mmCIF file of all heavy atoms, coordinates in Angstrom:
data_MODEL
# 
_entry.id   MODEL 
# 
loop_
_atom_site.group_PDB 
_atom_site.id 
_atom_site.type_symbol 
_atom_site.label_atom_id 
_atom_site.label_alt_id 
_atom_site.label_comp_id 
_atom_site.label_asym_id 
_atom_site.label_entity_id 
_atom_site.label_seq_id 
_atom_site.pdbx_PDB_ins_code 
_atom_site.Cartn_x 
_atom_site.Cartn_y 
_atom_site.Cartn_z 
_atom_site.occupancy 
_atom_site.B_iso_or_equiv 
_atom_site.pdbx_formal_charge 
_atom_site.auth_seq_id 
_atom_site.auth_comp_id 
_atom_site.auth_asym_id 
_atom_site.auth_atom_id 
_atom_site.pdbx_PDB_model_num 
ATOM 1   N N   . ALA A 1 1  ? 0.876  -1.190  0.005  1.00 0.00 ? 1  ALA A N   1 
ATOM 2   C CA  . ALA A 1 1  ? 0.002  0.009   -0.002 1.00 0.00 ? 1  ALA A CA  1 
ATOM 3   C C   . ALA A 1 1  ? 0.879  1.227   -0.026 1.00 0.00 ? 1  ALA A C   1 
ATOM 4   O O   . ALA A 1 1  ? 2.025  1.194   0.426  1.00 0.00 ? 1  ALA A O   1 
ATOM 5   C CB  . ALA A 1 1  ? -0.926 -0.008  1.222  1.00 0.00 ? 1  ALA A CB  1 
ATOM 6   N N   . PRO A 1 2  ? 0.411  2.351   -0.480 1.00 0.00 ? 2  PRO A N   1 
ATOM 7   C CA  . PRO A 1 2  ? 1.177  3.584   -0.394 1.00 0.00 ? 2  PRO A CA  1 
ATOM 8   C C   . PRO A 1 2  ? 1.525  3.985   1.021  1.00 0.00 ? 2  PRO A C   1 
ATOM 9   O O   . PRO A 1 2  ? 2.514  4.685   1.256  1.00 0.00 ? 2  PRO A O   1 
ATOM 10  C CB  . PRO A 1 2  ? 0.252  4.651   -1.043 1.00 0.00 ? 2  PRO A CB  1 
ATOM 11  C CG  . PRO A 1 2  ? -0.656 3.863   -1.922 1.00 0.00 ? 2  PRO A CG  1 
ATOM 12  C CD  . PRO A 1 2  ? -0.882 2.570   -1.178 1.00 0.00 ? 2  PRO A CD  1 
ATOM 13  N N   . ARG A 1 3  ? 0.742  3.493   1.986  1.00 0.00 ? 3  ARG A N   1 
ATOM 14  C CA  . ARG A 1 3  ? 0.961  3.877   3.387  1.00 0.00 ? 3  ARG A CA  1 
ATOM 15  C C   . ARG A 1 3  ? 0.732  2.661   4.292  1.00 0.00 ? 3  ARG A C   1 
ATOM 16  O O   . ARG A 1 3  ? -0.346 2.096   4.324  1.00 0.00 ? 3  ARG A O   1 
ATOM 17  C CB  . ARG A 1 3  ? -0.005 5.021   3.733  1.00 0.00 ? 3  ARG A CB  1 
ATOM 18  C CG  . ARG A 1 3  ? 0.190  5.640   5.112  1.00 0.00 ? 3  ARG A CG  1 
ATOM 19  C CD  . ARG A 1 3  ? -0.686 6.909   5.207  1.00 0.00 ? 3  ARG A CD  1 
ATOM 20  N NE  . ARG A 1 3  ? -0.482 7.615   6.417  1.00 0.00 ? 3  ARG A NE  1 
ATOM 21  C CZ  . ARG A 1 3  ? -1.241 7.472   7.535  1.00 0.00 ? 3  ARG A CZ  1 
ATOM 22  N NH1 . ARG A 1 3  ? -2.229 6.635   7.507  1.00 0.00 ? 3  ARG A NH1 1 
ATOM 23  N NH2 . ARG A 1 3  ? -0.972 8.173   8.614  1.00 0.00 ? 3  ARG A NH2 1 
ATOM 24  N N   . LEU A 1 4  ? 1.801  2.279   4.962  1.00 0.00 ? 4  LEU A N   1 
ATOM 25  C CA  . LEU A 1 4  ? 1.699  1.158   5.953  1.00 0.00 ? 4  LEU A CA  1 
ATOM 26  C C   . LEU A 1 4  ? 1.826  1.773   7.358  1.00 0.00 ? 4  LEU A C   1 
ATOM 27  O O   . LEU A 1 4  ? 2.754  2.536   7.633  1.00 0.00 ? 4  LEU A O   1 
ATOM 28  C CB  . LEU A 1 4  ? 2.766  0.111   5.719  1.00 0.00 ? 4  LEU A CB  1 
ATOM 29  C CG  . LEU A 1 4  ? 2.735  -0.624  4.369  1.00 0.00 ? 4  LEU A CG  1 
ATOM 30  C CD1 . LEU A 1 4  ? 3.875  -1.633  4.289  1.00 0.00 ? 4  LEU A CD1 1 
ATOM 31  C CD2 . LEU A 1 4  ? 1.393  -1.277  4.118  1.00 0.00 ? 4  LEU A CD2 1 
ATOM 32  N N   . VAL A 1 5  ? 0.913  1.353   8.242  1.00 0.00 ? 5  VAL A N   1 
ATOM 33  C CA  . VAL A 1 5  ? 0.957  1.875   9.632  1.00 0.00 ? 5  VAL A CA  1 
ATOM 34  C C   . VAL A 1 5  ? 1.137  0.667   10.562 1.00 0.00 ? 5  VAL A C   1 
ATOM 35  O O   . VAL A 1 5  ? 0.274  -0.255  10.560 1.00 0.00 ? 5  VAL A O   1 
ATOM 36  C CB  . VAL A 1 5  ? -0.358 2.640   9.935  1.00 0.00 ? 5  VAL A CB  1 
ATOM 37  C CG1 . VAL A 1 5  ? -0.269 3.133   11.388 1.00 0.00 ? 5  VAL A CG1 1 
ATOM 38  C CG2 . VAL A 1 5  ? -0.559 3.769   8.987  1.00 0.00 ? 5  VAL A CG2 1 
ATOM 39  N N   . LEU A 1 6  ? 2.195  0.750   11.376 1.00 0.00 ? 6  LEU A N   1 
ATOM 40  C CA  . LEU A 1 6  ? 2.429  -0.317  12.379 1.00 0.00 ? 6  LEU A CA  1 
ATOM 41  C C   . LEU A 1 6  ? 1.895  0.173   13.732 1.00 0.00 ? 6  LEU A C   1 
ATOM 42  O O   . LEU A 1 6  ? 2.371  1.210   14.240 1.00 0.00 ? 6  LEU A O   1 
ATOM 43  C CB  . LEU A 1 6  ? 3.894  -0.655  12.499 1.00 0.00 ? 6  LEU A CB  1 
ATOM 44  C CG  . LEU A 1 6  ? 4.336  -1.608  13.631 1.00 0.00 ? 6  LEU A CG  1 
ATOM 45  C CD1 . LEU A 1 6  ? 3.648  -2.942  13.459 1.00 0.00 ? 6  LEU A CD1 1 
ATOM 46  C CD2 . LEU A 1 6  ? 5.810  -1.722  13.736 1.00 0.00 ? 6  LEU A CD2 1 
ATOM 47  N N   . GLN A 1 7  ? 0.927  -0.557  14.279 1.00 0.00 ? 7  GLN A N   1 
ATOM 48  C CA  . GLN A 1 7  ? 0.437  -0.275  15.616 1.00 0.00 ? 7  GLN A CA  1 
ATOM 49  C C   . GLN A 1 7  ? 1.340  -1.046  16.608 1.00 0.00 ? 7  GLN A C   1 
ATOM 50  O O   . GLN A 1 7  ? 1.298  -2.253  16.722 1.00 0.00 ? 7  GLN A O   1 
ATOM 51  C CB  . GLN A 1 7  ? -1.028 -0.751  15.792 1.00 0.00 ? 7  GLN A CB  1 
ATOM 52  C CG  . GLN A 1 7  ? -1.983 -0.159  14.808 1.00 0.00 ? 7  GLN A CG  1 
ATOM 53  C CD  . GLN A 1 7  ? -2.350 1.305   15.162 1.00 0.00 ? 7  GLN A CD  1 
ATOM 54  O OE1 . GLN A 1 7  ? -1.781 1.876   16.047 1.00 0.00 ? 7  GLN A OE1 1 
ATOM 55  N NE2 . GLN A 1 7  ? -3.292 1.848   14.413 1.00 0.00 ? 7  GLN A NE2 1 
ATOM 56  N N   . ARG A 1 8  ? 2.215  -0.284  17.286 1.00 0.00 ? 8  ARG A N   1 
ATOM 57  C CA  . ARG A 1 8  ? 3.259  -0.865  18.112 1.00 0.00 ? 8  ARG A CA  1 
ATOM 58  C C   . ARG A 1 8  ? 2.701  -1.691  19.297 1.00 0.00 ? 8  ARG A C   1 
ATOM 59  O O   . ARG A 1 8  ? 3.277  -2.664  19.675 1.00 0.00 ? 8  ARG A O   1 
ATOM 60  C CB  . ARG A 1 8  ? 4.248  0.166   18.582 1.00 0.00 ? 8  ARG A CB  1 
ATOM 61  C CG  . ARG A 1 8  ? 4.965  0.937   17.473 1.00 0.00 ? 8  ARG A CG  1 
ATOM 62  C CD  . ARG A 1 8  ? 5.807  2.059   18.091 1.00 0.00 ? 8  ARG A CD  1 
ATOM 63  N NE  . ARG A 1 8  ? 6.801  1.592   19.028 1.00 0.00 ? 8  ARG A NE  1 
ATOM 64  C CZ  . ARG A 1 8  ? 7.377  2.362   19.908 1.00 0.00 ? 8  ARG A CZ  1 
ATOM 65  N NH1 . ARG A 1 8  ? 7.062  3.661   20.009 1.00 0.00 ? 8  ARG A NH1 1 
ATOM 66  N NH2 . ARG A 1 8  ? 8.256  1.884   20.721 1.00 0.00 ? 8  ARG A NH2 1 
ATOM 67  N N   . ALA A 1 9  ? 1.633  -1.211  19.848 1.00 0.00 ? 9  ALA A N   1 
ATOM 68  C CA  . ALA A 1 9  ? 1.125  -1.844  21.059 1.00 0.00 ? 9  ALA A CA  1 
ATOM 69  C C   . ALA A 1 9  ? 0.708  -3.323  20.820 1.00 0.00 ? 9  ALA A C   1 
ATOM 70  O O   . ALA A 1 9  ? 1.051  -4.180  21.656 1.00 0.00 ? 9  ALA A O   1 
ATOM 71  C CB  . ALA A 1 9  ? -0.054 -1.036  21.636 1.00 0.00 ? 9  ALA A CB  1 
ATOM 72  N N   . ASP A 1 10 ? 0.007  -3.556  19.717 1.00 0.00 ? 10 ASP A N   1 
ATOM 73  C CA  . ASP A 1 10 ? -0.481 -4.973  19.466 1.00 0.00 ? 10 ASP A CA  1 
ATOM 74  C C   . ASP A 1 10 ? 0.227  -5.614  18.261 1.00 0.00 ? 10 ASP A C   1 
ATOM 75  O O   . ASP A 1 10 ? -0.129 -6.722  17.873 1.00 0.00 ? 10 ASP A O   1 
ATOM 76  C CB  . ASP A 1 10 ? -1.986 -4.968  19.229 1.00 0.00 ? 10 ASP A CB  1 
ATOM 77  C CG  . ASP A 1 10 ? -2.407 -3.869  18.261 1.00 0.00 ? 10 ASP A CG  1 
ATOM 78  O OD1 . ASP A 1 10 ? -1.553 -3.408  17.463 1.00 0.00 ? 10 ASP A OD1 1 
ATOM 79  O OD2 . ASP A 1 10 ? -3.576 -3.490  18.234 1.00 0.00 ? 10 ASP A OD2 1 
ATOM 80  N N   . GLY A 1 11 ? 1.159  -4.897  17.647 1.00 0.00 ? 11 GLY A N   1 
ATOM 81  C CA  . GLY A 1 11 ? 1.927  -5.465  16.555 1.00 0.00 ? 11 GLY A CA  1 
ATOM 82  C C   . GLY A 1 11 ? 1.105  -5.625  15.260 1.00 0.00 ? 11 GLY A C   1 
ATOM 83  O O   . GLY A 1 11 ? 1.489  -6.460  14.384 1.00 0.00 ? 11 GLY A O   1 
ATOM 84  N N   . VAL A 1 12 ? 0.044  -4.907  15.058 1.00 0.00 ? 12 VAL A N   1 
ATOM 85  C CA  . VAL A 1 12 ? -0.829 -5.009  13.872 1.00 0.00 ? 12 VAL A CA  1 
ATOM 86  C C   . VAL A 1 12 ? -0.285 -4.063  12.811 1.00 0.00 ? 12 VAL A C   1 
ATOM 87  O O   . VAL A 1 12 ? 0.027  -2.873  13.098 1.00 0.00 ? 12 VAL A O   1 
ATOM 88  C CB  . VAL A 1 12 ? -2.244 -4.681  14.221 1.00 0.00 ? 12 VAL A CB  1 
ATOM 89  C CG1 . VAL A 1 12 ? -3.107 -4.592  12.976 1.00 0.00 ? 12 VAL A CG1 1 
ATOM 90  C CG2 . VAL A 1 12 ? -2.795 -5.711  15.203 1.00 0.00 ? 12 VAL A CG2 1 
ATOM 91  N N   . LEU A 1 13 ? -0.197 -4.508  11.573 1.00 0.00 ? 13 LEU A N   1 
ATOM 92  C CA  . LEU A 1 13 ? 0.230  -3.690  10.438 1.00 0.00 ? 13 LEU A CA  1 
ATOM 93  C C   . LEU A 1 13 ? -1.003 -3.418  9.555  1.00 0.00 ? 13 LEU A C   1 
ATOM 94  O O   . LEU A 1 13 ? -1.689 -4.304  9.100  1.00 0.00 ? 13 LEU A O   1 
ATOM 95  C CB  . LEU A 1 13 ? 1.263  -4.417  9.612  1.00 0.00 ? 13 LEU A CB  1 
ATOM 96  C CG  . LEU A 1 13 ? 1.844  -3.661  8.416  1.00 0.00 ? 13 LEU A CG  1 
ATOM 97  C CD1 . LEU A 1 13 ? 2.602  -2.399  8.859  1.00 0.00 ? 13 LEU A CD1 1 
ATOM 98  C CD2 . LEU A 1 13 ? 2.747  -4.575  7.566  1.00 0.00 ? 13 LEU A CD2 1 
ATOM 99  N N   . ILE A 1 14 ? -1.254 -2.148  9.305  1.00 0.00 ? 14 ILE A N   1 
ATOM 100 C CA  . ILE A 1 14 ? -2.427 -1.716  8.533  1.00 0.00 ? 14 ILE A CA  1 
ATOM 101 C C   . ILE A 1 14 ? -1.924 -0.997  7.245  1.00 0.00 ? 14 ILE A C   1 
ATOM 102 O O   . ILE A 1 14 ? -1.086 -0.143  7.301  1.00 0.00 ? 14 ILE A O   1 
ATOM 103 C CB  . ILE A 1 14 ? -3.300 -0.767  9.335  1.00 0.00 ? 14 ILE A CB  1 
ATOM 104 C CG1 . ILE A 1 14 ? -3.788 -1.460  10.565 1.00 0.00 ? 14 ILE A CG1 1 
ATOM 105 C CG2 . ILE A 1 14 ? -4.527 -0.287  8.491  1.00 0.00 ? 14 ILE A CG2 1 
ATOM 106 C CD1 . ILE A 1 14 ? -4.549 -0.501  11.548 1.00 0.00 ? 14 ILE A CD1 1 
ATOM 107 N N   . GLY A 1 15 ? -2.468 -1.419  6.086  1.00 0.00 ? 15 GLY A N   1 
ATOM 108 C CA  . GLY A 1 15 ? -2.200 -0.770  4.826  1.00 0.00 ? 15 GLY A CA  1 
ATOM 109 C C   . GLY A 1 15 ? -3.367 0.089   4.392  1.00 0.00 ? 15 GLY A C   1 
ATOM 110 O O   . GLY A 1 15 ? -4.471 -0.384  4.338  1.00 0.00 ? 15 GLY A O   1 
ATOM 111 N N   . ASP A 1 16 ? -3.122 1.326   4.047  1.00 0.00 ? 16 ASP A N   1 
ATOM 112 C CA  . ASP A 1 16 ? -4.210 2.208   3.568  1.00 0.00 ? 16 ASP A CA  1 
ATOM 113 C C   . ASP A 1 16 ? -3.660 3.329   2.702  1.00 0.00 ? 16 ASP A C   1 
ATOM 114 O O   . ASP A 1 16 ? -2.440 3.414   2.476  1.00 0.00 ? 16 ASP A O   1 
ATOM 115 C CB  . ASP A 1 16 ? -5.026 2.761   4.711  1.00 0.00 ? 16 ASP A CB  1 
ATOM 116 C CG  . ASP A 1 16 ? -4.214 3.642   5.639  1.00 0.00 ? 16 ASP A CG  1 
ATOM 117 O OD1 . ASP A 1 16 ? -3.068 4.020   5.248  1.00 0.00 ? 16 ASP A OD1 1 
ATOM 118 O OD2 . ASP A 1 16 ? -4.730 4.055   6.678  1.00 0.00 ? 16 ASP A OD2 1 
ATOM 119 N N   . GLY A 1 17 ? -4.581 4.164   2.239  1.00 0.00 ? 17 GLY A N   1 
ATOM 120 C CA  . GLY A 1 17 ? -4.175 5.409   1.623  1.00 0.00 ? 17 GLY A CA  1 
ATOM 121 C C   . GLY A 1 17 ? -4.087 5.346   0.112  1.00 0.00 ? 17 GLY A C   1 
ATOM 122 O O   . GLY A 1 17 ? -3.626 6.270   -0.530 1.00 0.00 ? 17 GLY A O   1 
ATOM 123 N N   . GLY A 1 18 ? -4.453 4.206   -0.523 1.00 0.00 ? 18 GLY A N   1 
ATOM 124 C CA  . GLY A 1 18 ? -4.321 4.161   -1.955 1.00 0.00 ? 18 GLY A CA  1 
ATOM 125 C C   . GLY A 1 18 ? -5.614 3.650   -2.621 1.00 0.00 ? 18 GLY A C   1 
ATOM 126 O O   . GLY A 1 18 ? -6.633 3.437   -1.939 1.00 0.00 ? 18 GLY A O   1 
ATOM 127 N N   . ALA A 1 19 ? -5.477 3.374   -3.892 1.00 0.00 ? 19 ALA A N   1 
ATOM 128 C CA  . ALA A 1 19 ? -6.608 2.829   -4.606 1.00 0.00 ? 19 ALA A CA  1 
ATOM 129 C C   . ALA A 1 19 ? -6.945 1.438   -4.135 1.00 0.00 ? 19 ALA A C   1 
ATOM 130 O O   . ALA A 1 19 ? -8.118 1.024   -4.178 1.00 0.00 ? 19 ALA A O   1 
ATOM 131 C CB  . ALA A 1 19 ? -6.325 2.848   -6.086 1.00 0.00 ? 19 ALA A CB  1 
ATOM 132 N N   . ARG A 1 20 ? -5.996 0.673   -3.715 1.00 0.00 ? 20 ARG A N   1 
ATOM 133 C CA  . ARG A 1 20 ? -6.305 -0.653  -3.225 1.00 0.00 ? 20 ARG A CA  1 
ATOM 134 C C   . ARG A 1 20 ? -5.256 -1.088  -2.184 1.00 0.00 ? 20 ARG A C   1 
ATOM 135 O O   . ARG A 1 20 ? -4.131 -0.553  -2.181 1.00 0.00 ? 20 ARG A O   1 
ATOM 136 C CB  . ARG A 1 20 ? -6.324 -1.659  -4.345 1.00 0.00 ? 20 ARG A CB  1 
ATOM 137 C CG  . ARG A 1 20 ? -4.972 -1.871  -5.003 1.00 0.00 ? 20 ARG A CG  1 
ATOM 138 C CD  . ARG A 1 20 ? -5.031 -2.974  -6.019 1.00 0.00 ? 20 ARG A CD  1 
ATOM 139 N NE  . ARG A 1 20 ? -3.715 -3.291  -6.556 1.00 0.00 ? 20 ARG A NE  1 
ATOM 140 C CZ  . ARG A 1 20 ? -3.468 -4.351  -7.336 1.00 0.00 ? 20 ARG A CZ  1 
ATOM 141 N NH1 . ARG A 1 20 ? -4.468 -5.207  -7.606 1.00 0.00 ? 20 ARG A NH1 1 
ATOM 142 N NH2 . ARG A 1 20 ? -2.243 -4.542  -7.770 1.00 0.00 ? 20 ARG A NH2 1 
ATOM 143 N N   . THR A 1 21 ? -5.635 -1.962  -1.380 1.00 0.00 ? 21 THR A N   1 
ATOM 144 C CA  . THR A 1 21 ? -4.729 -2.602  -0.401 1.00 0.00 ? 21 THR A CA  1 
ATOM 145 C C   . THR A 1 21 ? -4.871 -4.112  -0.621 1.00 0.00 ? 21 THR A C   1 
ATOM 146 O O   . THR A 1 21 ? -5.996 -4.620  -0.587 1.00 0.00 ? 21 THR A O   1 
ATOM 147 C CB  . THR A 1 21 ? -5.077 -2.245  1.055  1.00 0.00 ? 21 THR A CB  1 
ATOM 148 O OG1 . THR A 1 21 ? -4.941 -0.839  1.218  1.00 0.00 ? 21 THR A OG1 1 
ATOM 149 C CG2 . THR A 1 21 ? -4.203 -2.969  2.016  1.00 0.00 ? 21 THR A CG2 1 
ATOM 150 N N   . GLU A 1 22 ? -3.832 -4.775  -0.848 1.00 0.00 ? 22 GLU A N   1 
ATOM 151 C CA  . GLU A 1 22 ? -3.930 -6.214  -1.088 1.00 0.00 ? 22 GLU A CA  1 
ATOM 152 C C   . GLU A 1 22 ? -3.089 -7.016  -0.136 1.00 0.00 ? 22 GLU A C   1 
ATOM 153 O O   . GLU A 1 22 ? -2.019 -6.576  0.288  1.00 0.00 ? 22 GLU A O   1 
ATOM 154 C CB  . GLU A 1 22 ? -3.498 -6.540  -2.537 1.00 0.00 ? 22 GLU A CB  1 
ATOM 155 C CG  . GLU A 1 22 ? -2.066 -6.153  -2.871 1.00 0.00 ? 22 GLU A CG  1 
ATOM 156 C CD  . GLU A 1 22 ? -1.739 -6.442  -4.306 1.00 0.00 ? 22 GLU A CD  1 
ATOM 157 O OE1 . GLU A 1 22 ? -2.139 -5.649  -5.207 1.00 0.00 ? 22 GLU A OE1 1 
ATOM 158 O OE2 . GLU A 1 22 ? -1.062 -7.458  -4.552 1.00 0.00 ? 22 GLU A OE2 1 
ATOM 159 N N   . ILE A 1 23 ? -3.613 -8.124  0.244  1.00 0.00 ? 23 ILE A N   1 
ATOM 160 C CA  . ILE A 1 23 ? -2.906 -9.084  1.058  1.00 0.00 ? 23 ILE A CA  1 
ATOM 161 C C   . ILE A 1 23 ? -2.865 -10.373 0.265  1.00 0.00 ? 23 ILE A C   1 
ATOM 162 O O   . ILE A 1 23 ? -3.899 -10.948 -0.029 1.00 0.00 ? 23 ILE A O   1 
ATOM 163 C CB  . ILE A 1 23 ? -3.581 -9.359  2.419  1.00 0.00 ? 23 ILE A CB  1 
ATOM 164 C CG1 . ILE A 1 23 ? -3.684 -8.050  3.196  1.00 0.00 ? 23 ILE A CG1 1 
ATOM 165 C CG2 . ILE A 1 23 ? -2.819 -10.383 3.257  1.00 0.00 ? 23 ILE A CG2 1 
ATOM 166 C CD1 . ILE A 1 23 ? -4.472 -8.184  4.461  1.00 0.00 ? 23 ILE A CD1 1 
ATOM 167 N N   . VAL A 1 24 ? -1.675 -10.786 -0.156 1.00 0.00 ? 24 VAL A N   1 
ATOM 168 C CA  . VAL A 1 24 ? -1.564 -12.002 -1.014 1.00 0.00 ? 24 VAL A CA  1 
ATOM 169 C C   . VAL A 1 24 ? -0.514 -12.913 -0.465 1.00 0.00 ? 24 VAL A C   1 
ATOM 170 O O   . VAL A 1 24 ? 0.300  -12.529 0.382  1.00 0.00 ? 24 VAL A O   1 
ATOM 171 C CB  . VAL A 1 24 ? -1.174 -11.598 -2.435 1.00 0.00 ? 24 VAL A CB  1 
ATOM 172 C CG1 . VAL A 1 24 ? -2.215 -10.654 -3.071 1.00 0.00 ? 24 VAL A CG1 1 
ATOM 173 C CG2 . VAL A 1 24 ? 0.170  -10.924 -2.451 1.00 0.00 ? 24 VAL A CG2 1 
ATOM 174 N N   . SER A 1 25 ? -0.565 -14.157 -0.896 1.00 0.00 ? 25 SER A N   1 
ATOM 175 C CA  . SER A 1 25 ? 0.434  -15.169 -0.611 1.00 0.00 ? 25 SER A CA  1 
ATOM 176 C C   . SER A 1 25 ? 1.288  -15.344 -1.814 1.00 0.00 ? 25 SER A C   1 
ATOM 177 O O   . SER A 1 25 ? 0.793  -15.457 -2.934 1.00 0.00 ? 25 SER A O   1 
ATOM 178 C CB  . SER A 1 25 ? -0.183 -16.472 -0.180 1.00 0.00 ? 25 SER A CB  1 
ATOM 179 O OG  . SER A 1 25 ? -0.884 -16.313 0.997  1.00 0.00 ? 25 SER A OG  1 
ATOM 180 N N   . MET A 1 26 ? 2.584  -15.368 -1.648 1.00 0.00 ? 26 MET A N   1 
ATOM 181 C CA  . MET A 1 26 ? 3.475  -15.577 -2.749 1.00 0.00 ? 26 MET A CA  1 
ATOM 182 C C   . MET A 1 26 ? 4.735  -16.307 -2.287 1.00 0.00 ? 26 MET A C   1 
ATOM 183 O O   . MET A 1 26 ? 5.098  -16.260 -1.095 1.00 0.00 ? 26 MET A O   1 
ATOM 184 C CB  . MET A 1 26 ? 3.826  -14.253 -3.415 1.00 0.00 ? 26 MET A CB  1 
ATOM 185 C CG  . MET A 1 26 ? 4.439  -13.239 -2.483 1.00 0.00 ? 26 MET A CG  1 
ATOM 186 S SD  . MET A 1 26 ? 4.548  -11.595 -3.211 1.00 0.00 ? 26 MET A SD  1 
ATOM 187 C CE  . MET A 1 26 ? 5.551  -11.925 -4.641 1.00 0.00 ? 26 MET A CE  1 
ATOM 188 N N   . ALA A 1 27 ? 5.413  -16.946 -3.219 1.00 0.00 ? 27 ALA A N   1 
ATOM 189 C CA  . ALA A 1 27 ? 6.632  -17.634 -2.860 1.00 0.00 ? 27 ALA A CA  1 
ATOM 190 C C   . ALA A 1 27 ? 7.738  -16.632 -2.496 1.00 0.00 ? 27 ALA A C   1 
ATOM 191 O O   . ALA A 1 27 ? 7.793  -15.573 -3.023 1.00 0.00 ? 27 ALA A O   1 
ATOM 192 C CB  . ALA A 1 27 ? 7.086  -18.535 -4.021 1.00 0.00 ? 27 ALA A CB  1 
# 
């Protein structure tokens, strides 16, 4: 994503700020 935000307290990574956010599996 154009913008990745790491929430330090719980270790969650959030992608936002663009036309799309994708989570994929790849080798």
